[in-house]
Structures are given as structure tokens and as C-alpha cells.
N, C-alpha and C. Protein backbone atom coordinates (compact mmCIF):
# COMPACT_ATOMS: atom_id res chain seq x y z
N MET A 1 -17.23 -6.44 -35.15
CA MET A 1 -17.91 -6.40 -33.99
C MET A 1 -18.39 -7.95 -33.86
N ASP A 2 -18.84 -8.91 -34.55
CA ASP A 2 -19.15 -9.96 -34.47
C ASP A 2 -18.37 -11.14 -33.56
N ALA A 3 -16.87 -11.08 -34.18
CA ALA A 3 -15.63 -11.60 -33.68
C ALA A 3 -15.48 -11.32 -32.28
N LEU A 4 -15.59 -9.99 -31.91
CA LEU A 4 -15.32 -9.50 -30.48
C LEU A 4 -16.39 -10.08 -29.74
N GLU A 5 -17.51 -10.01 -29.97
CA GLU A 5 -18.65 -10.53 -29.11
C GLU A 5 -18.62 -11.91 -29.00
N PHE A 6 -18.20 -12.74 -29.85
CA PHE A 6 -17.90 -14.28 -29.86
C PHE A 6 -16.79 -14.61 -28.89
N VAL A 7 -15.70 -13.68 -28.94
CA VAL A 7 -14.65 -13.98 -27.92
C VAL A 7 -14.95 -13.70 -26.41
N ILE A 8 -15.74 -12.50 -26.35
CA ILE A 8 -16.29 -12.23 -25.14
C ILE A 8 -17.29 -13.18 -24.57
N SER A 9 -18.15 -13.73 -25.32
CA SER A 9 -18.79 -14.64 -24.70
C SER A 9 -18.32 -15.93 -24.50
N ILE A 10 -17.34 -16.23 -25.17
CA ILE A 10 -16.52 -17.64 -24.97
C ILE A 10 -15.76 -17.53 -23.60
N VAL A 11 -15.25 -16.37 -23.56
CA VAL A 11 -14.29 -16.31 -22.30
C VAL A 11 -15.25 -16.14 -20.91
N ALA A 12 -16.52 -15.55 -20.99
CA ALA A 12 -17.31 -15.48 -20.00
C ALA A 12 -17.96 -16.87 -19.74
N MET A 13 -18.35 -17.64 -20.80
CA MET A 13 -18.52 -19.25 -20.58
C MET A 13 -17.61 -19.74 -19.83
N VAL A 14 -16.35 -19.61 -20.11
CA VAL A 14 -15.12 -20.24 -19.56
C VAL A 14 -15.18 -19.98 -18.46
N LEU A 15 -14.90 -18.91 -17.73
CA LEU A 15 -14.80 -18.28 -16.36
C LEU A 15 -15.93 -18.77 -15.41
N GLY A 16 -17.08 -18.81 -16.17
CA GLY A 16 -18.48 -19.17 -15.37
C GLY A 16 -18.10 -20.70 -15.18
N ALA A 17 -17.73 -21.53 -15.85
CA ALA A 17 -17.49 -22.99 -15.85
C ALA A 17 -16.17 -23.17 -14.81
N VAL A 18 -15.39 -22.47 -14.79
CA VAL A 18 -14.31 -22.71 -13.97
C VAL A 18 -14.50 -22.28 -12.65
N THR A 19 -15.28 -21.21 -12.55
CA THR A 19 -16.00 -20.40 -10.98
C THR A 19 -16.74 -21.79 -10.44
N ILE A 20 -17.90 -22.01 -11.20
CA ILE A 20 -18.77 -23.37 -10.65
C ILE A 20 -17.57 -24.37 -10.32
N TRP A 21 -16.73 -24.79 -11.22
CA TRP A 21 -15.87 -26.04 -10.90
C TRP A 21 -15.38 -25.95 -9.70
N ILE A 22 -14.67 -24.72 -9.43
CA ILE A 22 -13.83 -24.31 -8.24
C ILE A 22 -14.48 -24.35 -6.77
N LEU A 23 -15.83 -23.84 -7.13
CA LEU A 23 -16.86 -23.81 -5.88
C LEU A 23 -17.37 -25.32 -5.63
N LEU A 24 -17.37 -26.12 -6.74
CA LEU A 24 -17.76 -27.67 -6.31
C LEU A 24 -16.64 -28.44 -5.81
N LEU A 25 -15.50 -28.01 -6.26
CA LEU A 25 -14.21 -28.56 -5.32
C LEU A 25 -14.21 -28.22 -4.04
N ARG A 26 -14.34 -27.07 -3.57
CA ARG A 26 -14.44 -26.64 -2.19
C ARG A 26 -15.64 -27.09 -1.39
N LYS A 27 -16.51 -27.22 -2.10
CA LYS A 27 -17.60 -27.98 -1.27
C LYS A 27 -17.27 -29.48 -1.11
N SER A 28 -16.82 -30.03 -1.90
CA SER A 28 -16.55 -31.45 -1.75
C SER A 28 -15.41 -31.80 -0.82
N ARG A 29 -14.38 -30.70 -0.73
CA ARG A 29 -13.35 -30.99 0.29
C ARG A 29 -13.98 -30.72 1.59
N ARG A 30 -14.93 -30.16 1.81
CA ARG A 30 -15.09 -29.73 3.21
C ARG A 30 -16.45 -30.89 3.69
N ARG A 31 -16.90 -31.69 2.65
CA ARG A 31 -17.74 -32.98 3.15
C ARG A 31 -17.09 -33.86 3.60
N THR A 32 -17.71 -34.37 4.79
CA THR A 32 -17.16 -35.49 5.55
C THR A 32 -17.35 -36.73 4.53
N GLN A 33 -16.03 -37.28 4.71
CA GLN A 33 -15.86 -38.71 3.91
C GLN A 33 -16.44 -39.87 4.45
N PHE A 34 -17.63 -40.60 3.79
CA PHE A 34 -18.30 -41.76 4.08
C PHE A 34 -17.71 -42.79 3.44
N GLU A 35 -17.80 -44.04 4.08
CA GLU A 35 -17.64 -45.40 3.22
C GLU A 35 -18.75 -45.43 2.46
N SER A 36 -18.57 -46.67 1.74
CA SER A 36 -19.88 -46.93 0.85
C SER A 36 -21.03 -47.62 1.77
N SER A 37 -20.78 -47.97 3.00
CA SER A 37 -21.57 -48.49 3.54
C SER A 37 -22.38 -47.18 4.48
N GLY A 38 -22.02 -45.90 4.51
CA GLY A 38 -22.82 -44.80 5.04
C GLY A 38 -22.14 -44.61 6.30
N LYS A 39 -20.98 -45.44 6.91
CA LYS A 39 -20.67 -45.13 7.89
C LYS A 39 -19.16 -44.22 7.96
N TYR A 40 -18.80 -43.59 9.26
CA TYR A 40 -17.69 -42.78 9.18
C TYR A 40 -16.62 -43.80 9.32
N ASP A 41 -15.42 -43.36 8.63
CA ASP A 41 -14.02 -44.19 8.92
C ASP A 41 -13.62 -43.99 10.38
N MET A 42 -13.34 -45.18 10.96
CA MET A 42 -13.20 -45.13 12.35
C MET A 42 -11.77 -44.10 12.67
N GLY A 43 -10.75 -44.24 11.90
CA GLY A 43 -9.76 -43.35 11.81
C GLY A 43 -10.08 -42.10 12.09
N GLU A 44 -10.85 -41.59 11.08
CA GLU A 44 -11.07 -40.22 11.01
C GLU A 44 -12.01 -40.01 12.25
N LEU A 45 -12.88 -40.50 12.88
CA LEU A 45 -13.37 -40.26 13.83
C LEU A 45 -12.63 -39.97 15.00
N SER A 46 -11.57 -41.12 15.25
CA SER A 46 -10.50 -40.90 16.21
C SER A 46 -9.80 -39.79 16.19
N SER A 47 -9.33 -39.31 15.12
CA SER A 47 -8.65 -38.07 14.92
C SER A 47 -9.51 -36.97 15.45
N MET A 48 -10.88 -36.99 14.76
CA MET A 48 -11.80 -35.89 15.41
C MET A 48 -12.07 -35.75 16.85
N ALA A 49 -12.02 -36.71 17.24
CA ALA A 49 -12.20 -37.01 18.91
C ALA A 49 -10.90 -36.45 19.44
N GLU A 50 -9.88 -36.83 19.00
CA GLU A 50 -8.69 -36.33 19.69
C GLU A 50 -8.55 -34.62 19.39
N SER A 51 -8.96 -34.12 18.54
CA SER A 51 -9.06 -32.68 18.01
C SER A 51 -9.83 -32.06 19.06
N LEU A 52 -10.95 -32.55 19.26
CA LEU A 52 -12.03 -31.87 20.01
C LEU A 52 -11.47 -31.95 21.39
N ILE A 53 -10.94 -33.10 21.80
CA ILE A 53 -10.36 -33.33 23.30
C ILE A 53 -9.42 -32.18 23.32
N GLU A 54 -8.26 -31.87 22.52
CA GLU A 54 -7.14 -30.67 22.73
C GLU A 54 -7.82 -29.61 22.63
N ARG A 55 -8.72 -29.13 21.61
CA ARG A 55 -9.70 -28.09 21.91
C ARG A 55 -10.24 -27.66 23.05
N ILE A 56 -10.63 -28.57 23.94
CA ILE A 56 -11.52 -28.46 25.10
C ILE A 56 -10.55 -28.45 26.17
N ASP A 57 -9.65 -28.96 26.25
CA ASP A 57 -8.23 -28.56 27.11
C ASP A 57 -7.66 -27.24 26.84
N VAL A 58 -7.64 -26.87 25.73
CA VAL A 58 -7.04 -25.29 25.67
C VAL A 58 -8.14 -24.48 26.13
N LEU A 59 -9.67 -24.68 25.86
CA LEU A 59 -10.25 -23.74 26.10
C LEU A 59 -10.53 -23.54 27.97
N GLU A 60 -10.57 -24.89 28.43
CA GLU A 60 -10.44 -24.95 30.06
C GLU A 60 -9.11 -24.01 30.44
N SER A 61 -8.10 -24.46 29.90
CA SER A 61 -6.73 -23.69 30.49
C SER A 61 -7.22 -22.26 30.31
N ILE A 62 -7.74 -21.67 29.23
CA ILE A 62 -7.98 -20.33 29.21
C ILE A 62 -8.86 -19.86 30.24
N LEU A 63 -9.94 -20.52 30.12
CA LEU A 63 -10.84 -20.33 31.13
C LEU A 63 -10.47 -20.15 32.84
N ASP A 64 -9.66 -21.17 32.93
CA ASP A 64 -8.85 -21.43 34.29
C ASP A 64 -8.05 -20.11 34.63
N ALA A 65 -7.26 -19.51 33.45
CA ALA A 65 -6.36 -18.36 33.61
C ALA A 65 -7.40 -17.11 33.73
N GLU A 66 -8.23 -16.88 32.93
CA GLU A 66 -9.00 -15.72 32.75
C GLU A 66 -9.99 -15.60 34.05
N VAL A 67 -10.96 -16.55 34.39
CA VAL A 67 -11.88 -16.85 35.22
C VAL A 67 -11.35 -18.03 36.20
N PRO A 68 -10.84 -17.86 37.30
CA PRO A 68 -10.43 -19.18 38.05
C PRO A 68 -11.83 -19.61 38.65
N GLU A 69 -12.76 -18.99 38.88
CA GLU A 69 -13.77 -19.84 39.47
C GLU A 69 -15.11 -20.27 38.61
N TRP A 70 -14.72 -20.31 37.40
CA TRP A 70 -15.85 -20.60 36.45
C TRP A 70 -16.08 -21.92 36.61
N ARG A 71 -15.28 -23.06 37.16
CA ARG A 71 -16.00 -24.38 37.22
C ARG A 71 -17.00 -24.21 38.47
N GLU A 72 -16.56 -23.77 39.43
CA GLU A 72 -17.31 -23.34 40.56
C GLU A 72 -19.02 -23.06 39.99
N GLN A 73 -18.72 -22.09 39.42
CA GLN A 73 -19.86 -21.19 38.97
C GLN A 73 -20.80 -22.08 38.17
N ASN A 74 -20.33 -22.89 37.15
CA ASN A 74 -21.16 -24.03 36.21
C ASN A 74 -21.57 -24.93 36.95
N GLU A 75 -20.74 -25.52 37.86
CA GLU A 75 -21.57 -26.77 38.79
C GLU A 75 -22.75 -26.02 39.63
N HIS A 76 -22.46 -24.65 39.92
CA HIS A 76 -23.94 -24.41 40.81
C HIS A 76 -25.09 -24.23 39.80
N GLY A 77 -24.66 -23.53 38.57
CA GLY A 77 -25.76 -23.27 37.81
C GLY A 77 -26.25 -24.42 37.23
N SER A 78 -25.67 -25.93 37.00
CA SER A 78 -26.22 -26.80 36.60
C SER A 78 -26.90 -27.60 37.23
N GLN A 79 -27.23 -27.40 38.48
CA GLN A 79 -27.60 -28.27 39.70
C GLN A 79 -29.03 -27.95 40.18
């Protein structure tokens, strides 16, 4: 039984280490890339801004189709 317990413990440790390694890799991929000076890369910021503009345009077109008077309601609510 000692050999079986040893193999089970080694497998458990390896699986634990692999799980932690995968989680750390996923976390690091989600993290925003910084330059060494702590500033964002201008190309990355530009692509993020373009992506956000496209998303806003799509959302506005959906709202225009579903709720045509949403712009007027929003302007009156903010004043």
C-alpha cells in the first residue's frame, strides 16, 4: 500500500501544480500590458478606443431600431 499511496500523492501534487500554473497563465493573459515606465502602449490604447467606438455604434443602432425615441428621452432626462 505504501507504493500506491506514494503514487497517489505524487499525482495529486502534480495535478495541483498544473492547475495553479494554468490559472496563473490565464490571469496573466487578462492583465493589461504595461511598458516598463508604467504607461500603456499607444497602439494598444488606440485599438481599445476603436473597439469601444464600434461597440457604442452597434449599441446605438440597436437602440435606434428597438426604441426610436431613446435619444430624445435621454436628452430630456440629463438636463
